[in-house]
N, C-alpha and C. Protein backbone atom coordinates (compact mmCIF):
# COMPACT_ATOMS: atom_id res chain seq x y z
N MET A 1 99.48 94.09 105.66
CA MET A 1 98.34 94.16 104.77
C MET A 1 98.24 92.84 104.00
N LYS A 2 97.03 92.43 103.78
CA LYS A 2 96.76 91.23 103.00
C LYS A 2 96.80 91.61 101.52
N CYS A 3 97.38 90.76 100.69
CA CYS A 3 97.50 91.04 99.27
C CYS A 3 96.84 89.93 98.46
N ILE A 4 96.08 90.34 97.45
CA ILE A 4 95.45 89.41 96.52
C ILE A 4 95.91 89.80 95.12
N SER A 5 96.44 88.85 94.37
CA SER A 5 96.90 89.10 93.01
C SER A 5 95.83 88.65 92.02
N VAL A 6 95.57 89.51 91.03
CA VAL A 6 94.59 89.23 89.99
C VAL A 6 95.34 89.28 88.67
N TYR A 7 95.44 88.16 87.98
CA TYR A 7 96.29 88.05 86.80
C TYR A 7 95.55 88.40 85.52
N THR A 8 95.48 89.69 85.25
CA THR A 8 94.93 90.21 84.01
C THR A 8 95.47 91.63 83.82
N LYS A 9 95.54 92.06 82.58
CA LYS A 9 95.89 93.46 82.32
C LYS A 9 94.66 94.23 81.86
N ASN A 10 93.52 93.55 81.80
CA ASN A 10 92.28 94.14 81.33
C ASN A 10 91.54 94.80 82.50
N PHE A 11 91.56 96.13 82.54
CA PHE A 11 90.93 96.86 83.66
C PHE A 11 89.43 96.61 83.72
N GLU A 12 88.79 96.50 82.57
CA GLU A 12 87.34 96.28 82.56
C GLU A 12 86.97 94.94 83.21
N LEU A 13 87.71 93.89 82.86
CA LEU A 13 87.47 92.58 83.49
C LEU A 13 87.76 92.63 84.98
N PHE A 14 88.87 93.29 85.34
CA PHE A 14 89.21 93.43 86.76
C PHE A 14 88.07 94.12 87.51
N SER A 15 87.57 95.21 86.94
CA SER A 15 86.48 95.96 87.58
C SER A 15 85.23 95.11 87.74
N ASP A 16 84.97 94.24 86.76
CA ASP A 16 83.78 93.38 86.83
C ASP A 16 83.86 92.37 87.98
N ILE A 17 85.06 91.81 88.22
CA ILE A 17 85.17 90.77 89.25
C ILE A 17 85.62 91.30 90.61
N TYR A 18 86.01 92.56 90.68
CA TYR A 18 86.49 93.15 91.94
C TYR A 18 85.51 92.95 93.10
N PRO A 19 84.20 93.24 92.92
CA PRO A 19 83.28 93.02 94.06
C PRO A 19 83.21 91.56 94.50
N GLN A 20 83.31 90.63 93.56
CA GLN A 20 83.30 89.20 93.90
C GLN A 20 84.53 88.83 94.71
N ILE A 21 85.67 89.40 94.34
CA ILE A 21 86.92 89.12 95.06
C ILE A 21 86.82 89.60 96.49
N LEU A 22 86.29 90.80 96.68
CA LEU A 22 86.17 91.34 98.04
C LEU A 22 85.14 90.57 98.86
N ALA A 23 84.10 90.09 98.21
CA ALA A 23 83.06 89.34 98.93
C ALA A 23 83.56 87.98 99.40
N ALA A 24 84.44 87.35 98.62
CA ALA A 24 84.96 86.03 98.97
C ALA A 24 86.43 85.94 98.56
N PRO A 25 87.31 86.63 99.30
CA PRO A 25 88.73 86.63 98.92
C PRO A 25 89.36 85.25 99.11
N PRO A 26 90.30 84.91 98.23
CA PRO A 26 90.98 83.62 98.41
C PRO A 26 91.85 83.63 99.66
N GLU A 27 92.05 82.46 100.23
CA GLU A 27 92.95 82.31 101.37
C GLU A 27 94.39 82.46 100.89
N ASP A 28 95.32 82.64 101.82
CA ASP A 28 96.74 82.70 101.46
C ASP A 28 97.12 81.44 100.67
N ASN A 29 97.85 81.64 99.59
CA ASN A 29 98.33 80.57 98.72
C ASN A 29 97.22 79.78 98.03
N GLU A 30 96.01 80.31 98.00
CA GLU A 30 94.89 79.67 97.31
C GLU A 30 94.67 80.39 95.98
N GLU A 31 94.41 79.62 94.93
CA GLU A 31 94.07 80.20 93.64
C GLU A 31 92.64 79.85 93.30
N ILE A 32 91.91 80.85 92.81
CA ILE A 32 90.56 80.63 92.31
C ILE A 32 90.49 81.25 90.92
N VAL A 33 89.49 80.86 90.15
CA VAL A 33 89.30 81.42 88.81
C VAL A 33 87.91 82.03 88.77
N LEU A 34 87.86 83.32 88.44
CA LEU A 34 86.60 84.05 88.29
C LEU A 34 86.54 84.59 86.87
N GLU A 35 85.51 84.18 86.14
CA GLU A 35 85.33 84.62 84.76
C GLU A 35 86.60 84.45 83.92
N GLY A 36 87.29 83.35 84.13
CA GLY A 36 88.49 83.05 83.37
C GLY A 36 89.76 83.73 83.85
N ILE A 37 89.67 84.48 84.94
CA ILE A 37 90.82 85.22 85.48
C ILE A 37 91.29 84.52 86.75
N THR A 38 92.60 84.27 86.84
CA THR A 38 93.17 83.66 88.04
C THR A 38 93.34 84.71 89.12
N VAL A 39 92.86 84.37 90.31
CA VAL A 39 92.96 85.24 91.48
C VAL A 39 93.66 84.43 92.56
N SER A 40 94.69 85.03 93.15
CA SER A 40 95.52 84.29 94.10
C SER A 40 95.69 85.05 95.40
N GLY A 41 95.55 84.35 96.51
CA GLY A 41 95.84 84.93 97.81
C GLY A 41 97.35 84.95 98.00
N SER A 42 97.94 86.13 97.98
CA SER A 42 99.40 86.27 98.01
C SER A 42 99.96 86.43 99.42
N GLY A 43 99.10 86.41 100.41
CA GLY A 43 99.59 86.53 101.78
C GLY A 43 99.79 87.97 102.21
N GLU A 44 100.67 88.15 103.16
CA GLU A 44 100.91 89.47 103.74
C GLU A 44 102.02 90.22 103.00
N VAL A 45 101.85 91.53 102.87
CA VAL A 45 102.92 92.39 102.34
C VAL A 45 103.13 93.52 103.34
N PRO A 46 104.38 93.94 103.53
CA PRO A 46 104.63 95.05 104.45
C PRO A 46 104.18 96.37 103.82
N ASP A 47 103.86 97.35 104.66
CA ASP A 47 103.44 98.66 104.17
C ASP A 47 104.51 99.28 103.27
N GLN A 48 105.78 98.96 103.54
CA GLN A 48 106.87 99.50 102.73
C GLN A 48 106.78 99.03 101.28
N TYR A 49 106.20 97.87 101.04
CA TYR A 49 106.05 97.35 99.68
C TYR A 49 105.23 98.32 98.84
N ILE A 50 104.13 98.78 99.40
CA ILE A 50 103.27 99.73 98.67
C ILE A 50 104.04 101.01 98.37
N GLU A 51 104.78 101.50 99.33
CA GLU A 51 105.55 102.73 99.12
C GLU A 51 106.62 102.53 98.05
N ARG A 52 107.28 101.39 98.04
CA ARG A 52 108.29 101.10 97.01
C ARG A 52 107.65 101.02 95.63
N MET A 53 106.50 100.38 95.54
CA MET A 53 105.83 100.24 94.25
C MET A 53 105.27 101.57 93.76
N ARG A 54 104.81 102.40 94.67
CA ARG A 54 104.20 103.68 94.34
C ARG A 54 105.14 104.60 93.54
N VAL A 55 106.44 104.52 93.80
CA VAL A 55 107.39 105.42 93.14
C VAL A 55 107.84 104.92 91.77
N LYS A 56 107.48 103.70 91.41
CA LYS A 56 107.89 103.16 90.11
C LYS A 56 106.98 103.73 89.01
N PRO A 57 107.57 104.23 87.93
CA PRO A 57 106.76 104.85 86.87
C PRO A 57 105.83 103.88 86.15
N GLU A 58 106.13 102.59 86.14
CA GLU A 58 105.30 101.63 85.43
C GLU A 58 104.13 101.10 86.27
N VAL A 59 103.99 101.58 87.49
CA VAL A 59 102.95 101.10 88.40
C VAL A 59 101.84 102.15 88.54
N VAL A 60 100.60 101.70 88.32
CA VAL A 60 99.44 102.56 88.54
C VAL A 60 98.91 102.26 89.94
N VAL A 61 98.66 103.30 90.72
CA VAL A 61 98.19 103.14 92.09
C VAL A 61 96.78 103.71 92.20
N MET A 62 95.86 102.90 92.71
CA MET A 62 94.47 103.33 92.93
C MET A 62 94.15 103.11 94.40
N LYS A 63 93.35 103.99 94.98
CA LYS A 63 92.98 103.89 96.39
C LYS A 63 91.47 103.83 96.52
N GLU A 64 91.03 102.95 97.40
CA GLU A 64 89.63 102.96 97.82
C GLU A 64 89.67 103.41 99.27
N LYS A 65 89.56 104.71 99.49
CA LYS A 65 89.79 105.29 100.82
C LYS A 65 88.81 104.78 101.87
N LYS A 66 87.57 104.58 101.49
CA LYS A 66 86.55 104.16 102.45
C LYS A 66 86.95 102.88 103.18
N ARG A 67 87.55 101.93 102.46
CA ARG A 67 87.93 100.65 103.06
C ARG A 67 89.43 100.51 103.29
N GLY A 68 90.20 101.54 102.93
CA GLY A 68 91.64 101.49 103.13
C GLY A 68 92.35 100.54 102.19
N ILE A 69 91.76 100.31 101.02
CA ILE A 69 92.33 99.38 100.05
C ILE A 69 93.19 100.13 99.04
N THR A 70 94.35 99.58 98.74
CA THR A 70 95.22 100.11 97.69
C THR A 70 95.31 99.05 96.60
N ILE A 71 95.14 99.49 95.34
CA ILE A 71 95.25 98.58 94.20
C ILE A 71 96.45 99.03 93.38
N LEU A 72 97.36 98.11 93.15
CA LEU A 72 98.53 98.37 92.31
C LEU A 72 98.35 97.62 91.00
N GLN A 73 98.59 98.30 89.88
CA GLN A 73 98.50 97.63 88.59
C GLN A 73 99.82 97.79 87.88
N HIS A 74 100.42 96.67 87.52
CA HIS A 74 101.68 96.71 86.79
C HIS A 74 101.78 95.45 85.94
N GLY A 75 102.25 95.61 84.72
CA GLY A 75 102.34 94.46 83.83
C GLY A 75 100.99 93.80 83.64
N ASN A 76 100.94 92.51 83.84
CA ASN A 76 99.70 91.74 83.66
C ASN A 76 99.05 91.37 84.98
N VAL A 77 99.23 92.20 86.00
CA VAL A 77 98.69 91.85 87.32
C VAL A 77 98.17 93.09 88.05
N PHE A 78 97.06 92.88 88.74
CA PHE A 78 96.54 93.86 89.71
C PHE A 78 96.79 93.25 91.08
N GLU A 79 97.25 94.06 92.02
CA GLU A 79 97.42 93.59 93.39
C GLU A 79 96.49 94.40 94.29
N ILE A 80 95.61 93.71 94.97
CA ILE A 80 94.69 94.35 95.90
C ILE A 80 95.29 94.21 97.29
N CYS A 81 95.67 95.33 97.88
CA CYS A 81 96.27 95.32 99.22
C CYS A 81 95.26 95.93 100.18
N MET A 82 94.85 95.13 101.17
CA MET A 82 93.81 95.59 102.08
C MET A 82 94.23 95.33 103.53
N PRO A 83 93.69 96.13 104.43
CA PRO A 83 93.97 95.88 105.85
C PRO A 83 93.58 94.46 106.23
N ASP A 84 94.32 93.88 107.15
CA ASP A 84 94.08 92.50 107.57
C ASP A 84 92.67 92.24 108.05
N ASP A 85 92.04 93.24 108.63
CA ASP A 85 90.70 93.06 109.19
C ASP A 85 89.59 93.37 108.19
N GLU A 86 89.90 93.64 106.92
CA GLU A 86 88.91 94.00 105.93
C GLU A 86 87.84 92.93 105.76
N THR A 87 88.24 91.67 105.74
CA THR A 87 87.26 90.60 105.51
C THR A 87 86.29 90.46 106.69
N GLN A 88 86.73 90.78 107.88
CA GLN A 88 85.82 90.71 109.02
C GLN A 88 84.91 91.93 109.11
N ALA A 89 85.30 93.04 108.46
CA ALA A 89 84.55 94.29 108.59
C ALA A 89 83.26 94.27 107.79
N GLU A 90 83.15 93.37 106.82
CA GLU A 90 81.96 93.39 105.97
C GLU A 90 80.83 92.59 106.57
């Protein structure tokens, strides 16, 4: 799964820029700034990563079932984990 890190703890700001991130996701190891928020292409993560994070009490897990996207929120970061082919599907 491809992972994109969004460095904010503000859910409202994250929600505002989420559609922009999906429309033009950063490449692996690329950082972009949207509305003052740093967004970074974190590369690939194994499916086991999501399962490990899911059981931690400090991690909030959100699912967008239609597109198979999992969003993990912990500390000051949101991680958008999406299937590798998500960018081609749109």
